[in-house]
Amino acid sequence: MKDYTPSRSPCPVGRASRLLGDRWVLLILREAFLGIDRFEDFMSRLDISRAALTSRLGWMVAAGVLERVPPQAKRARYRLTPAGEALRPTYDAIKAWGDAWLPRAHHADAEQGLE
C-alpha cells in the first residue's frame, strides 16, 4: 500500500489534486455522500480491489476527509469529517459538469433496445 503524502505545493489546487486527482477517491466520496460507510459495502458497490480500497481509505483518513469509527476496530465505519462534507459542493459541480459535457457512451445494445 502506498502511503498518502500531503503535497507541499504552494498552490491550493496542486495540494488538493494530490488527493482528489485519484479516480477512486472521487468514487469513494460519491458512495460516502450516498451514506455508504462500511468497507464491505464500498467493495460491493465499486469495481475496486481490496488492496486499492484499503489504500484509498487510508489516504482519505490521513488527509482528514474520512475518519474511522472506532479508529482501531477491525470493522470500523468510515465517516465523512467536516472537511469531507465540505467537498460535497465540489463533487456536485463535477457531477453536473459530467452530466452536461460528457454524456453517457452510446452503445449498440441501446439501439437494439437491449439496455
N, C-alpha and C. Protein backbone atom coordinates (compact mmCIF):
# COMPACT_ATOMS: atom_id res chain seq x y z
N MET A 1 0.84 -1.17 0.00
CA MET A 1 0.00 0.00 0.00
C MET A 1 0.89 1.24 0.00
N LYS A 2 0.66 2.10 -0.94
CA LYS A 2 1.39 3.36 -0.99
C LYS A 2 0.74 4.35 -0.04
N ASP A 3 1.53 4.91 0.86
CA ASP A 3 1.01 5.86 1.84
C ASP A 3 0.68 7.20 1.18
N TYR A 4 -0.28 7.87 1.75
CA TYR A 4 -0.64 9.22 1.32
C TYR A 4 0.41 10.19 1.85
N THR A 5 0.92 11.01 0.98
CA THR A 5 1.87 12.04 1.35
C THR A 5 1.28 13.39 0.93
N PRO A 6 0.98 14.26 1.90
CA PRO A 6 0.42 15.56 1.52
C PRO A 6 1.38 16.32 0.61
N SER A 7 0.81 17.06 -0.30
CA SER A 7 1.59 17.89 -1.21
C SER A 7 2.15 19.10 -0.47
N ARG A 8 3.35 19.50 -0.85
CA ARG A 8 3.94 20.72 -0.28
C ARG A 8 3.81 21.88 -1.27
N SER A 9 2.99 21.71 -2.26
CA SER A 9 2.81 22.73 -3.28
C SER A 9 2.31 24.04 -2.66
N PRO A 10 2.83 25.17 -3.11
CA PRO A 10 2.30 26.45 -2.62
C PRO A 10 0.91 26.73 -3.19
N CYS A 11 0.52 26.00 -4.22
CA CYS A 11 -0.78 26.20 -4.87
C CYS A 11 -1.84 25.30 -4.23
N PRO A 12 -2.97 25.85 -3.80
CA PRO A 12 -4.00 25.02 -3.19
C PRO A 12 -4.59 23.99 -4.15
N VAL A 13 -4.64 24.30 -5.44
CA VAL A 13 -5.13 23.32 -6.41
C VAL A 13 -4.15 22.15 -6.50
N GLY A 14 -2.88 22.47 -6.50
CA GLY A 14 -1.86 21.43 -6.51
C GLY A 14 -1.96 20.54 -5.28
N ARG A 15 -2.18 21.14 -4.12
CA ARG A 15 -2.31 20.36 -2.89
C ARG A 15 -3.55 19.48 -2.93
N ALA A 16 -4.67 20.03 -3.38
CA ALA A 16 -5.92 19.27 -3.44
C ALA A 16 -5.83 18.14 -4.46
N SER A 17 -5.13 18.38 -5.56
CA SER A 17 -5.06 17.36 -6.61
C SER A 17 -4.29 16.13 -6.16
N ARG A 18 -3.43 16.26 -5.16
CA ARG A 18 -2.70 15.10 -4.63
C ARG A 18 -3.69 14.03 -4.19
N LEU A 19 -4.77 14.44 -3.56
CA LEU A 19 -5.79 13.50 -3.09
C LEU A 19 -6.92 13.35 -4.10
N LEU A 20 -7.49 14.46 -4.52
CA LEU A 20 -8.70 14.42 -5.33
C LEU A 20 -8.45 14.05 -6.78
N GLY A 21 -7.20 14.03 -7.20
CA GLY A 21 -6.88 13.65 -8.57
C GLY A 21 -6.94 12.15 -8.80
N ASP A 22 -7.18 11.39 -7.75
CA ASP A 22 -7.28 9.94 -7.88
C ASP A 22 -8.72 9.54 -8.15
N ARG A 23 -8.93 8.77 -9.20
CA ARG A 23 -10.28 8.34 -9.61
C ARG A 23 -11.02 7.66 -8.47
N TRP A 24 -10.33 6.76 -7.76
CA TRP A 24 -11.01 6.00 -6.71
C TRP A 24 -11.45 6.88 -5.56
N VAL A 25 -10.69 7.91 -5.25
CA VAL A 25 -11.06 8.81 -4.16
C VAL A 25 -12.39 9.48 -4.47
N LEU A 26 -12.57 9.94 -5.70
CA LEU A 26 -13.84 10.58 -6.07
C LEU A 26 -15.00 9.59 -6.01
N LEU A 27 -14.77 8.35 -6.43
CA LEU A 27 -15.85 7.36 -6.39
C LEU A 27 -16.17 6.93 -4.96
N ILE A 28 -15.16 6.85 -4.11
CA ILE A 28 -15.40 6.56 -2.70
C ILE A 28 -16.19 7.71 -2.07
N LEU A 29 -15.83 8.94 -2.41
CA LEU A 29 -16.59 10.10 -1.92
C LEU A 29 -18.05 10.00 -2.35
N ARG A 30 -18.28 9.65 -3.62
CA ARG A 30 -19.66 9.51 -4.10
C ARG A 30 -20.43 8.55 -3.19
N GLU A 31 -19.84 7.40 -2.92
CA GLU A 31 -20.52 6.41 -2.08
C GLU A 31 -20.72 6.92 -0.66
N ALA A 32 -19.73 7.62 -0.12
CA ALA A 32 -19.87 8.18 1.23
C ALA A 32 -21.00 9.21 1.27
N PHE A 33 -21.12 10.02 0.23
CA PHE A 33 -22.21 11.00 0.18
C PHE A 33 -23.57 10.30 0.10
N LEU A 34 -23.58 9.08 -0.44
CA LEU A 34 -24.82 8.30 -0.52
C LEU A 34 -25.10 7.52 0.77
N GLY A 35 -24.20 7.65 1.76
CA GLY A 35 -24.43 7.01 3.05
C GLY A 35 -23.66 5.71 3.28
N ILE A 36 -22.86 5.29 2.32
CA ILE A 36 -22.07 4.07 2.50
C ILE A 36 -20.95 4.37 3.49
N ASP A 37 -20.75 3.46 4.45
CA ASP A 37 -19.71 3.72 5.46
C ASP A 37 -18.94 2.47 5.89
N ARG A 38 -19.23 1.32 5.32
CA ARG A 38 -18.53 0.08 5.68
C ARG A 38 -17.66 -0.40 4.52
N PHE A 39 -16.48 -0.92 4.87
CA PHE A 39 -15.53 -1.40 3.87
C PHE A 39 -16.20 -2.36 2.89
N GLU A 40 -16.89 -3.36 3.39
CA GLU A 40 -17.51 -4.37 2.52
C GLU A 40 -18.57 -3.76 1.61
N ASP A 41 -19.25 -2.72 2.08
CA ASP A 41 -20.25 -2.06 1.23
C ASP A 41 -19.58 -1.26 0.11
N PHE A 42 -18.45 -0.59 0.43
CA PHE A 42 -17.69 0.06 -0.64
C PHE A 42 -17.25 -0.98 -1.66
N MET A 43 -16.76 -2.13 -1.17
CA MET A 43 -16.28 -3.20 -2.06
C MET A 43 -17.39 -3.67 -3.00
N SER A 44 -18.58 -3.86 -2.46
CA SER A 44 -19.66 -4.40 -3.28
C SER A 44 -20.20 -3.39 -4.29
N ARG A 45 -20.03 -2.11 -4.03
CA ARG A 45 -20.57 -1.08 -4.92
C ARG A 45 -19.58 -0.55 -5.95
N LEU A 46 -18.28 -0.77 -5.68
CA LEU A 46 -17.23 -0.27 -6.58
C LEU A 46 -16.48 -1.45 -7.19
N ASP A 47 -16.05 -1.32 -8.39
CA ASP A 47 -15.23 -2.35 -9.04
C ASP A 47 -13.77 -2.04 -8.70
N ILE A 48 -13.40 -2.30 -7.44
CA ILE A 48 -12.10 -1.93 -6.91
C ILE A 48 -11.52 -3.12 -6.16
N SER A 49 -10.23 -3.29 -6.22
CA SER A 49 -9.60 -4.38 -5.48
C SER A 49 -9.57 -4.03 -4.00
N ARG A 50 -9.48 -5.05 -3.19
CA ARG A 50 -9.40 -4.87 -1.74
C ARG A 50 -8.19 -4.01 -1.37
N ALA A 51 -7.05 -4.27 -2.02
CA ALA A 51 -5.82 -3.51 -1.73
C ALA A 51 -5.99 -2.04 -2.11
N ALA A 52 -6.59 -1.77 -3.26
CA ALA A 52 -6.78 -0.39 -3.69
C ALA A 52 -7.74 0.34 -2.76
N LEU A 53 -8.81 -0.34 -2.34
CA LEU A 53 -9.77 0.30 -1.43
C LEU A 53 -9.11 0.58 -0.08
N THR A 54 -8.37 -0.38 0.43
CA THR A 54 -7.66 -0.19 1.70
C THR A 54 -6.74 1.02 1.61
N SER A 55 -6.00 1.10 0.51
CA SER A 55 -5.07 2.20 0.30
C SER A 55 -5.79 3.54 0.25
N ARG A 56 -6.84 3.64 -0.56
CA ARG A 56 -7.54 4.91 -0.72
C ARG A 56 -8.25 5.35 0.55
N LEU A 57 -8.86 4.41 1.26
CA LEU A 57 -9.48 4.78 2.53
C LEU A 57 -8.43 5.29 3.50
N GLY A 58 -7.26 4.65 3.50
CA GLY A 58 -6.16 5.12 4.34
C GLY A 58 -5.73 6.53 3.98
N TRP A 59 -5.65 6.80 2.67
CA TRP A 59 -5.29 8.15 2.21
C TRP A 59 -6.31 9.16 2.71
N MET A 60 -7.59 8.80 2.56
CA MET A 60 -8.66 9.74 2.90
C MET A 60 -8.71 10.00 4.40
N VAL A 61 -8.39 8.99 5.20
CA VAL A 61 -8.30 9.18 6.65
C VAL A 61 -7.09 10.06 6.97
N ALA A 62 -5.94 9.76 6.35
CA ALA A 62 -4.73 10.56 6.60
C ALA A 62 -4.91 12.02 6.19
N ALA A 63 -5.69 12.25 5.14
CA ALA A 63 -5.92 13.61 4.66
C ALA A 63 -7.02 14.33 5.46
N GLY A 64 -7.70 13.60 6.34
CA GLY A 64 -8.73 14.22 7.17
C GLY A 64 -10.08 14.35 6.50
N VAL A 65 -10.31 13.60 5.42
CA VAL A 65 -11.59 13.64 4.70
C VAL A 65 -12.57 12.63 5.28
N LEU A 66 -12.04 11.48 5.73
CA LEU A 66 -12.83 10.46 6.40
C LEU A 66 -12.20 10.17 7.75
N GLU A 67 -13.01 9.61 8.65
CA GLU A 67 -12.47 9.12 9.91
C GLU A 67 -12.98 7.70 10.13
N ARG A 68 -12.15 6.89 10.76
CA ARG A 68 -12.54 5.52 11.14
C ARG A 68 -13.20 5.58 12.50
N VAL A 69 -14.37 4.95 12.62
CA VAL A 69 -15.10 4.96 13.88
C VAL A 69 -15.52 3.52 14.22
N PRO A 70 -15.02 2.97 15.34
CA PRO A 70 -13.91 3.43 16.16
C PRO A 70 -12.58 3.25 15.42
N PRO A 71 -11.60 4.05 15.78
CA PRO A 71 -10.35 4.11 15.00
C PRO A 71 -9.61 2.79 14.84
N GLN A 72 -9.56 1.95 15.86
CA GLN A 72 -8.76 0.73 15.79
C GLN A 72 -9.58 -0.53 15.53
N ALA A 73 -10.87 -0.41 15.35
CA ALA A 73 -11.72 -1.59 15.16
C ALA A 73 -11.47 -2.25 13.82
N LYS A 74 -11.62 -3.59 13.80
CA LYS A 74 -11.46 -4.31 12.54
C LYS A 74 -12.59 -3.96 11.57
N ARG A 75 -13.79 -3.79 12.08
CA ARG A 75 -14.95 -3.50 11.23
C ARG A 75 -15.44 -2.07 11.49
N ALA A 76 -14.55 -1.13 11.36
CA ALA A 76 -14.89 0.27 11.60
C ALA A 76 -15.78 0.81 10.50
N ARG A 77 -16.46 1.88 10.82
CA ARG A 77 -17.21 2.66 9.83
C ARG A 77 -16.30 3.79 9.36
N TYR A 78 -16.50 4.21 8.14
CA TYR A 78 -15.77 5.36 7.59
C TYR A 78 -16.77 6.50 7.46
N ARG A 79 -16.56 7.52 8.27
CA ARG A 79 -17.50 8.63 8.34
C ARG A 79 -16.84 9.88 7.77
N LEU A 80 -17.61 10.65 6.99
CA LEU A 80 -17.11 11.92 6.48
C LEU A 80 -16.84 12.88 7.63
N THR A 81 -15.72 13.55 7.57
CA THR A 81 -15.39 14.60 8.53
C THR A 81 -15.97 15.91 8.01
N PRO A 82 -15.88 16.98 8.79
CA PRO A 82 -16.29 18.29 8.24
C PRO A 82 -15.54 18.63 6.94
N ALA A 83 -14.26 18.26 6.86
CA ALA A 83 -13.52 18.51 5.61
C ALA A 83 -14.09 17.70 4.46
N GLY A 84 -14.50 16.47 4.74
CA GLY A 84 -15.12 15.64 3.71
C GLY A 84 -16.47 16.18 3.28
N GLU A 85 -17.28 16.58 4.25
CA GLU A 85 -18.59 17.17 3.94
C GLU A 85 -18.43 18.45 3.13
N ALA A 86 -17.36 19.19 3.37
CA ALA A 86 -17.13 20.44 2.63
C ALA A 86 -16.86 20.17 1.16
N LEU A 87 -16.54 18.93 0.81
CA LEU A 87 -16.31 18.57 -0.60
C LEU A 87 -17.61 18.33 -1.38
N ARG A 88 -18.73 18.26 -0.69
CA ARG A 88 -20.00 17.95 -1.37
C ARG A 88 -20.31 18.92 -2.51
N PRO A 89 -20.21 20.24 -2.34
CA PRO A 89 -20.48 21.14 -3.47
C PRO A 89 -19.51 20.92 -4.63
N THR A 90 -18.28 20.61 -4.32
CA THR A 90 -17.30 20.33 -5.38
C THR A 90 -17.69 19.07 -6.13
N TYR A 91 -18.05 18.02 -5.39
CA TYR A 91 -18.49 16.78 -6.01
C TYR A 91 -19.74 17.03 -6.87
N ASP A 92 -20.71 17.78 -6.33
CA ASP A 92 -21.93 18.08 -7.09
C ASP A 92 -21.61 18.84 -8.38
N ALA A 93 -20.64 19.76 -8.32
CA ALA A 93 -20.25 20.51 -9.52
C ALA A 93 -19.59 19.59 -10.55
N ILE A 94 -18.74 18.68 -10.12
CA ILE A 94 -18.11 17.73 -11.04
C ILE A 94 -19.17 16.84 -11.67
N LYS A 95 -20.12 16.38 -10.87
CA LYS A 95 -21.21 15.54 -11.38
C LYS A 95 -22.04 16.30 -12.42
N ALA A 96 -22.40 17.54 -12.11
CA ALA A 96 -23.19 18.34 -13.05
C ALA A 96 -22.42 18.59 -14.34
N TRP A 97 -21.12 18.86 -14.24
CA TRP A 97 -20.31 19.07 -15.43
C TRP A 97 -20.26 17.80 -16.27
N GLY A 98 -20.07 16.64 -15.61
CA GLY A 98 -20.05 15.38 -16.34
C GLY A 98 -21.37 15.10 -17.04
N ASP A 99 -22.48 15.40 -16.37
CA ASP A 99 -23.80 15.22 -17.00
C ASP A 99 -23.97 16.11 -18.22
N ALA A 100 -23.49 17.35 -18.12
CA ALA A 100 -23.68 18.32 -19.20
C ALA A 100 -22.71 18.12 -20.36
N TRP A 101 -21.48 17.78 -20.07
CA TRP A 101 -20.44 17.81 -21.08
C TRP A 101 -19.88 16.44 -21.48
N LEU A 102 -20.16 15.42 -20.71
CA LEU A 102 -19.68 14.08 -21.03
C LEU A 102 -20.85 13.12 -20.98
N PRO A 103 -21.69 13.14 -22.00
CA PRO A 103 -22.86 12.26 -21.99
C PRO A 103 -22.44 10.80 -21.97
N ARG A 104 -23.36 9.97 -21.51
CA ARG A 104 -23.10 8.54 -21.48
C ARG A 104 -22.75 8.04 -22.88
N ALA A 105 -21.88 7.05 -22.92
CA ALA A 105 -21.49 6.46 -24.20
C ALA A 105 -22.71 5.81 -24.85
N HIS A 106 -22.79 5.94 -26.15
CA HIS A 106 -23.88 5.35 -26.90
C HIS A 106 -23.49 3.92 -27.25
N HIS A 107 -24.26 2.96 -26.78
CA HIS A 107 -23.95 1.55 -27.01
C HIS A 107 -24.85 0.98 -28.09
N ALA A 108 -24.32 0.03 -28.84
CA ALA A 108 -25.11 -0.66 -29.87
C ALA A 108 -26.30 -1.37 -29.24
N ASP A 109 -26.13 -1.87 -27.99
CA ASP A 109 -27.24 -2.54 -27.31
C ASP A 109 -28.44 -1.62 -27.14
N ALA A 110 -28.17 -0.33 -26.90
CA ALA A 110 -29.26 0.62 -26.70
C ALA A 110 -30.07 0.77 -28.00
N GLU A 111 -29.37 0.75 -29.14
CA GLU A 111 -30.07 0.86 -30.43
C GLU A 111 -31.01 -0.31 -30.65
N GLN A 112 -30.63 -1.46 -30.13
CA GLN A 112 -31.43 -2.67 -30.32
C GLN A 112 -32.44 -2.87 -29.20
N GLY A 113 -32.51 -1.91 -28.28
CA GLY A 113 -33.46 -1.99 -27.18
C GLY A 113 -33.07 -3.01 -26.13
N LEU A 114 -31.79 -3.34 -26.02
CA LEU A 114 -31.35 -4.36 -25.07
C LEU A 114 -30.94 -3.79 -23.72
N GLU A 115 -30.87 -2.49 -23.60
CA GLU A 115 -30.49 -1.92 -22.29
C GLU A 115 -31.69 -1.67 -21.45
